[in-house]
Structure formats: C-alpha cells, structure tokens
Protein backbone atom coordinates (compact mmCIF):
# COMPACT_ATOMS: atom_id res chain seq x y z
CA MET A 1 0.00 0.00 0.00
CA ARG A 2 1.19 3.48 -0.77
CA TYR A 3 2.08 6.11 1.82
CA ILE A 4 -0.84 8.25 3.02
CA HIS A 5 -0.27 11.47 4.97
CA ARG A 6 -1.01 11.18 8.70
CA ASP A 7 -3.74 13.86 8.74
CA ILE A 8 -5.58 12.23 5.85
CA ARG A 9 -5.16 8.74 7.30
CA ASP A 10 -6.71 9.95 10.58
CA MET A 11 -9.73 11.28 8.65
CA ILE A 12 -10.43 8.09 6.69
CA THR A 13 -9.64 5.40 9.29
CA PRO A 14 -13.02 5.48 11.11
CA HIS A 15 -14.88 5.20 7.80
CA LEU A 16 -12.73 2.29 6.66
CA ARG A 17 -13.45 0.41 9.89
CA THR A 18 -17.23 0.80 9.50
CA GLY A 19 -17.16 -0.24 5.84
CA VAL A 20 -18.48 3.06 4.48
CA LEU A 21 -15.34 3.41 2.33
CA ILE A 22 -12.91 0.97 0.74
CA LEU A 23 -9.15 1.61 0.43
CA GLU A 24 -7.56 0.52 -2.87
CA ASP A 25 -4.09 0.75 -4.36
CA GLY A 26 -4.00 2.68 -7.65
CA ALA A 27 -1.36 3.09 -10.33
CA ARG A 28 0.01 6.35 -8.88
CA HIS A 29 -1.98 7.03 -5.72
CA ALA A 30 -4.04 5.05 -3.27
CA LYS A 31 -7.82 5.52 -3.66
CA ILE A 32 -10.80 5.50 -1.35
CA ARG A 33 -13.98 4.27 -2.98
CA ASN A 34 -17.62 4.55 -2.01
CA PRO A 35 -18.94 1.00 -2.58
CA ARG A 36 -22.50 2.26 -3.10
CA THR A 37 -21.76 4.53 -6.08
CA GLN A 38 -18.30 3.21 -7.09
CA ASP A 39 -16.99 6.80 -7.22
CA PHE A 40 -13.58 7.46 -5.64
CA LEU A 41 -11.05 10.03 -4.44
CA PRO A 42 -7.30 9.70 -4.99
CA LEU A 43 -5.11 9.95 -1.88
CA ALA A 44 -1.90 11.89 -2.36
CA GLY A 45 1.12 10.98 -0.27
CA SER A 46 1.39 14.54 1.00
CA PRO A 47 -0.97 17.51 0.97
CA SER A 48 -0.07 20.03 -1.72
CA ASP A 49 -0.31 23.09 0.54
CA HIS A 50 -1.54 24.23 3.95
CA ARG A 51 -5.17 23.86 2.81
CA GLY A 52 -4.74 20.39 1.33
CA ALA A 53 -6.05 18.47 4.34
CA ARG A 54 -9.03 20.83 4.74
CA ASN A 55 -9.93 20.59 1.04
CA PHE A 56 -9.69 16.81 1.26
CA GLN A 57 -11.98 16.82 4.30
CA VAL A 58 -14.69 18.59 2.25
CA ALA A 59 -14.31 16.14 -0.64
CA LEU A 60 -14.38 13.21 1.79
CA ARG A 61 -17.66 14.42 3.31
CA ARG A 62 -19.22 14.62 -0.18
CA LEU A 63 -17.98 11.12 -1.01
CA ILE A 64 -19.48 9.69 2.19
CA GLU A 65 -22.80 11.55 2.19
CA CYS A 66 -23.64 11.71 -1.51
CA GLY A 67 -21.19 9.34 -3.14
CA GLU A 68 -19.72 12.18 -5.23
CA GLY A 69 -16.02 11.86 -5.97
CA LEU A 70 -13.63 12.37 -8.88
CA ILE A 71 -15.91 10.90 -11.56
CA PHE A 72 -18.81 13.13 -10.51
CA ASN A 73 -16.57 16.22 -10.51
CA LYS A 74 -15.32 15.50 -14.03
CA THR A 75 -18.54 14.30 -15.71
CA GLY A 76 -21.37 15.79 -13.64
CA HIS A 77 -23.03 12.46 -12.91
CA LEU A 78 -22.37 9.46 -10.70
CA PRO A 79 -21.01 6.23 -12.18
CA GLN A 80 -24.18 4.24 -11.32
CA ASN A 81 -26.66 7.14 -11.47
CA ALA A 82 -27.12 7.03 -7.70
CA ALA A 83 -28.75 10.10 -6.18
CA CYS A 84 -27.79 11.98 -3.06
CA HIS A 85 -30.36 11.52 -0.31
C-alpha cells in the first residue's frame, strides 16, 4: 500500500473500519472508494499546501454523504446514477 499522509489517514480510518469506504491501491496514488456509487477520491502521499487536508476533508464528506467523488466532478453524474439523499 502506498504512503498516506497522517492527517488524511486519521480522517479516513473510522470510515474504513465501518465499511463506508474501501481503500484501494491505484497506479500512482491510493484511492478511497464509495462501494454504493463506485466513485472514488485519490489519496496523495502529501498535501499540496496548507489547505490540502481541509480541502480533502470537504471532498471526503461529499464522497461519504452523496457518493460524489472524482468521476462526478469531471462528468457531472455518478457512475451508477445514484442520487444523493
């Protein structure tokens, strides 16, 4: 498994334990995937700047609550057409 920054690892660990998210190894970065919608977020080894962890926290909340990740941000729809409740 690839290196994940400590702040980001602390944010995702509780959700991995409950099964809300799945941790996968990608070609360049590790990924966390929402199993309900199959959308994901890449996990960088280090935050890009002082706001990196905070920006990731917002994206993580969207992935957990609505299933919206990288695919939704690029295409405007979820991979399996799941709706946010």
